[in-house]
Protein backbone atom coordinates (compact mmCIF):
# COMPACT_ATOMS: atom_id res chain seq x y z
CA MET A 1 -4.12 8.74 14.61
CA GLY A 2 -1.23 11.16 15.12
CA THR A 3 2.22 10.03 14.11
CA VAL A 4 4.66 9.82 17.01
CA VAL A 5 8.30 10.09 16.05
CA ALA A 6 10.25 8.18 18.66
CA GLU A 7 13.71 9.02 19.89
CA ARG A 8 16.67 7.02 18.62
CA GLY A 9 16.88 3.68 20.35
CA ASP A 10 13.42 3.94 21.92
CA PRO A 11 12.34 0.34 22.67
CA ALA A 12 8.69 1.26 22.07
CA ALA A 13 9.54 2.52 18.61
CA THR A 14 11.46 -0.65 17.84
CA GLY A 15 8.58 -2.82 19.04
CA SER A 16 6.02 -0.88 17.01
CA TYR A 17 8.25 -1.09 13.94
CA GLN A 18 8.66 -4.84 14.31
CA ARG A 19 4.88 -5.28 14.62
CA ALA A 20 4.41 -3.26 11.43
CA ILE A 21 6.95 -5.49 9.65
CA ASP A 22 5.20 -8.62 10.93
CA THR A 23 1.89 -7.25 9.66
CA LEU A 24 3.30 -6.38 6.25
CA ASP A 25 4.91 -9.82 6.07
CA ALA A 26 1.55 -11.52 6.71
CA GLU A 27 -0.20 -9.36 4.12
CA LEU A 28 2.44 -10.05 1.48
CA ARG A 29 2.43 -13.80 2.13
CA GLY A 30 -1.32 -13.85 1.61
CA LEU A 31 -1.03 -11.89 -1.62
CA GLU A 32 1.72 -14.13 -2.95
CA ALA A 33 -0.37 -17.20 -2.23
CA VAL A 34 -3.25 -15.77 -4.26
CA PHE A 35 -1.01 -14.87 -7.19
CA ARG A 36 0.56 -18.34 -7.16
CA GLY A 37 -2.84 -19.97 -7.41
CA LEU A 38 -4.14 -18.00 -10.40
CA SER A 39 -5.25 -19.63 -13.63
CA GLY A 40 -4.41 -18.16 -17.02
CA LYS A 41 -7.83 -16.57 -17.25
CA ASP A 42 -7.54 -15.06 -13.75
CA TRP A 43 -4.56 -12.98 -14.87
CA GLU A 44 -6.74 -11.37 -17.54
CA ALA A 45 -9.49 -10.33 -15.13
CA PRO A 46 -9.97 -6.54 -15.12
CA THR A 47 -9.70 -4.67 -11.85
CA ASN A 48 -12.24 -2.08 -10.77
CA LEU A 49 -9.61 0.67 -10.63
CA ASN A 50 -10.62 3.64 -12.77
CA PRO A 51 -7.76 5.30 -14.69
CA ILE A 52 -7.78 9.08 -14.43
CA ASP A 53 -8.11 9.07 -18.22
CA SER A 54 -11.44 7.34 -18.77
CA THR A 55 -10.45 6.37 -22.32
CA LEU A 56 -7.75 4.01 -21.02
CA PRO A 57 -8.43 0.36 -20.14
CA HIS A 58 -8.54 -0.83 -16.55
CA TRP A 59 -5.51 -2.68 -15.25
CA THR A 60 -5.91 -6.42 -15.33
CA VAL A 61 -4.64 -8.61 -12.49
CA PHE A 62 -1.40 -8.85 -14.48
CA GLU A 63 -0.77 -5.09 -14.36
CA LEU A 64 -1.87 -5.03 -10.72
CA ALA A 65 0.92 -7.51 -10.00
CA GLY A 66 3.32 -5.08 -11.67
CA HIS A 67 2.07 -2.31 -9.41
CA PHE A 68 2.64 -4.46 -6.32
CA ASP A 69 6.23 -4.99 -7.44
CA ILE A 70 6.69 -1.23 -7.71
CA SER A 71 4.84 -0.11 -4.59
CA ILE A 72 6.39 -2.63 -2.22
CA GLY A 73 9.79 -2.30 -3.90
CA LEU A 74 9.86 1.40 -2.97
CA ALA A 75 10.70 0.29 0.59
CA ARG A 76 13.82 -1.44 -0.69
CA MET A 77 14.86 1.72 -2.51
CA LEU A 78 14.50 3.72 0.70
CA MET A 79 16.58 1.28 2.73
CA ALA A 80 19.25 1.03 0.02
CA ALA A 81 19.96 4.78 0.11
CA PRO A 82 20.11 5.98 3.74
CA GLN A 83 20.56 9.71 4.05
CA GLU A 84 21.04 12.35 6.68
CA GLY A 85 18.21 14.82 6.63
CA GLN A 86 14.85 15.91 7.96
CA PRO A 87 12.00 13.57 6.99
CA GLY A 88 9.45 15.43 4.92
CA ARG A 89 6.61 12.93 5.07
CA ASP A 90 5.15 10.29 7.36
CA ARG A 91 2.88 7.26 6.97
CA THR A 92 -0.18 9.48 6.48
CA SER A 93 1.13 12.39 4.42
CA PHE A 94 2.62 9.92 1.93
CA PHE A 95 -0.94 9.64 0.61
CA ILE A 96 -1.43 13.39 0.09
CA PHE A 97 -0.49 14.19 -3.49
CA PRO A 98 -1.97 15.72 -6.66
CA ARG A 99 -3.75 12.73 -8.22
CA ALA A 100 -3.90 14.34 -11.66
CA GLU A 101 -0.09 14.42 -11.74
CA VAL A 102 0.77 11.16 -9.99
CA ALA A 103 -1.95 8.75 -11.20
CA PRO A 104 -0.93 8.73 -14.89
CA VAL A 105 2.67 7.97 -13.95
CA VAL A 106 1.63 5.12 -11.65
CA TYR A 107 -0.75 3.76 -14.30
CA ASP A 108 1.90 3.70 -17.03
CA TYR A 109 4.65 2.31 -14.82
CA ALA A 110 2.64 -0.83 -14.06
CA TYR A 111 2.62 -1.64 -17.79
CA LYS A 112 6.36 -1.01 -18.00
CA MET A 113 7.00 -3.34 -15.07
CA VAL A 114 5.24 -6.27 -16.77
CA ALA A 115 6.58 -5.57 -20.26
CA GLY A 116 8.42 -8.64 -21.53
CA LYS A 117 7.13 -10.78 -18.67
CA ARG A 118 4.51 -13.51 -18.68
CA PRO A 119 1.85 -13.97 -16.01
CA MET A 120 3.55 -17.18 -14.92
CA ASP A 121 6.71 -15.13 -14.18
CA MET A 122 5.05 -12.76 -11.73
CA PRO A 123 4.71 -14.94 -8.62
CA ASP A 124 8.50 -15.39 -8.52
CA VAL A 125 9.06 -11.69 -9.27
CA LEU A 126 6.78 -10.76 -6.39
CA HIS A 127 8.33 -13.34 -4.08
CA GLU A 128 11.74 -11.74 -4.63
CA THR A 129 10.45 -8.23 -3.96
CA PHE A 130 8.25 -9.19 -1.02
CA SER A 131 10.77 -11.42 0.76
CA LYS A 132 13.71 -9.04 0.28
CA THR A 133 11.64 -6.12 1.55
CA ILE A 134 10.84 -7.96 4.77
CA GLU A 135 14.40 -9.24 5.24
CA GLU A 136 15.91 -5.79 4.73
CA ALA A 137 13.32 -4.11 6.95
CA ARG A 138 14.11 -6.49 9.80
CA ARG A 139 17.79 -5.55 9.50
CA SER A 140 17.10 -1.80 9.44
CA ARG A 141 16.91 0.54 12.40
CA PRO A 142 13.50 2.20 12.85
CA ASP A 143 15.07 5.65 12.50
CA LEU A 144 16.79 4.96 9.17
CA VAL A 145 15.96 7.84 6.80
CA GLY A 146 15.89 7.47 3.04
CA PRO A 147 14.02 8.54 -0.09
CA GLY A 148 10.27 7.92 0.28
CA TYR A 149 9.33 8.76 -3.32
CA TYR A 150 8.06 12.29 -2.60
CA ALA A 151 10.44 13.22 0.22
CA LEU A 152 12.72 11.73 2.86
CA MET A 153 10.98 9.35 5.25
CA ARG A 154 11.88 7.19 8.20
CA VAL A 155 11.60 3.50 7.47
CA ASP A 156 9.33 2.99 10.50
CA GLU A 157 6.90 5.40 8.85
CA PHE A 158 7.30 3.97 5.37
CA ILE A 159 6.61 0.34 6.28
CA PRO A 160 3.10 1.10 7.64
CA SER A 161 2.37 2.94 4.39
CA ARG A 162 3.21 -0.31 2.56
CA VAL A 163 0.65 -2.09 4.74
CA VAL A 164 -1.95 0.32 3.36
CA GLU A 165 -0.81 -0.51 -0.19
CA ALA A 166 -1.00 -4.24 0.50
CA VAL A 167 -4.44 -4.08 2.11
CA VAL A 168 -6.09 -1.70 -0.36
CA HIS A 169 -4.63 -3.20 -3.53
CA GLY A 170 -5.21 -6.63 -2.04
CA MET A 171 -8.90 -5.71 -2.15
CA ASP A 172 -8.46 -4.79 -5.81
CA LEU A 173 -7.05 -8.26 -6.39
CA THR A 174 -9.78 -10.18 -4.59
CA ASP A 175 -12.53 -7.94 -6.01
CA ALA A 176 -11.30 -8.64 -9.55
CA LEU A 177 -11.40 -12.38 -8.79
CA GLY A 178 -14.77 -12.26 -7.07
CA ARG A 179 -13.31 -13.36 -3.73
CA LYS A 180 -13.53 -12.13 -0.15
CA SER A 181 -10.82 -9.86 1.22
CA ILE A 182 -7.74 -11.67 2.52
CA ALA A 183 -6.50 -8.71 4.58
CA THR A 184 -5.46 -9.58 8.12
CA PRO A 185 -7.09 -7.95 11.16
CA ALA A 186 -3.78 -6.25 12.00
CA GLY A 187 -3.39 -4.99 8.45
CA ILE A 188 -6.93 -3.63 8.40
CA ALA A 189 -6.39 -1.92 11.77
CA ILE A 190 -3.20 -0.17 10.62
CA THR A 191 -4.84 0.89 7.36
CA ALA A 192 -8.00 2.14 9.07
CA ALA A 193 -5.99 4.22 11.55
CA ILE A 194 -3.92 5.84 8.79
CA LEU A 195 -7.08 6.64 6.82
CA ASP A 196 -8.66 8.15 9.95
CA ASP A 197 -5.63 10.41 10.28
CA LEU A 198 -5.68 11.22 6.58
CA LEU A 199 -9.34 12.26 6.77
CA ALA A 200 -8.51 14.61 9.65
CA ARG A 201 -5.63 16.18 7.75
CA ARG A 202 -7.50 16.65 4.49
CA THR A 203 -10.98 17.67 5.65
CA VAL A 204 -13.24 17.39 8.71
CA ALA A 205 -12.14 14.63 11.08
CA GLY A 206 -14.37 11.72 12.03
CA ARG A 207 -15.46 8.83 9.86
CA PRO A 208 -19.20 8.46 9.12
CA SER A 209 -21.14 6.91 12.00
CA ASP A 210 -22.22 3.91 9.93
CA LEU A 211 -18.60 2.94 9.24
CA LYS A 212 -17.53 1.80 12.69
CA ASP A 213 -16.34 -1.50 11.20
CA ASP A 214 -12.74 -0.98 10.09
CA LEU A 215 -13.02 -3.08 6.92
CA ALA A 216 -16.11 -1.16 5.78
CA TRP A 217 -14.30 2.10 6.58
CA VAL A 218 -11.23 1.11 4.57
CA ARG A 219 -13.38 0.16 1.58
CA ALA A 220 -15.32 3.43 1.63
CA ALA A 221 -12.32 5.66 2.36
CA SER A 222 -10.30 4.09 -0.44
CA GLY A 223 -13.12 4.14 -2.99
CA ARG A 224 -13.51 0.36 -2.94
CA GLY A 225 -17.06 0.75 -1.68
CA GLU A 226 -19.64 3.44 -2.36
CA HIS A 227 -20.67 5.86 0.38
CA PRO A 228 -22.72 9.08 0.24
CA ASP A 229 -20.38 11.08 2.47
CA PRO A 230 -18.97 13.83 0.19
CA ARG A 231 -15.58 13.63 1.91
CA LEU A 232 -15.05 10.13 0.54
CA PRO A 233 -13.04 8.59 -0.97
CA ILE A 234 -9.85 10.14 0.35
CA ILE A 235 -7.49 7.94 -1.64
CA GLY A 236 -8.06 6.38 -5.04
C-alpha cells in the first residue's frame, strides 16, 4: 500500500481521514471495555511480549495499559503542537526504527506511566486519553503537521499508525487473557495494508502465500504468531 498525500482540502483525503478516526475509535472502545472488565488477577497476567533484554520480566497487563496510554497519547501531542514543515515520516515509515535503541525506552516508559497508579485507576486513565484523542482528531484538519515522535508527520498519517498500535497491542491484551482477538475488520484491514507496505519497504514485497487472511498476516508480521518466512516478523 503506497501512501498518497492528498492536496489541502481534498474531500477524498478528508473522507479517508474520518474513516481512519472512526476505525481507531471503534478499536479504542473495544479495548477500554476489556480493561474495565478485568479482575484483580487479570491485571497481573504476563503478556507474551519479549523484552530486548531477556533478563527483564515481561510486561503484565498493567504495564501494557501504561503503554496504551503512551502510544495513543502521542497523537494528542502531535495535534497540540502544529508546525510548519516537511513531514519526515508516514503511517508506514513510523514503524522503521532501530529496535535496539527504541525498545528499551518504550519498555521502561510503560513502568513509569503506571508508577503510583493502581490497576483500578487505569480504565479511567485510558478513557481520558482515548476519548480526547478521538475528539481532538475529529476537530483537526487532515493536513495538520506536528511532531510524530521520530519526525514531523501529518495527522492523517499518524492516526492510521495508532490503529496499528491498537490492533497489535490489542492482540497482546487478549492473548495474555486467553481470549480471542477483539480487533474490528476495518482495524485489521488498515493494519494489514500498512504491514504489506512495510514489508515492501524493508525487504522483498509480497506476504507469504499461506497468509491471505489479514488477521493471520497481522499476527505473523507482528510476531504474534510463528511463521517460517525469514522476513518475519517485521515489527516486534
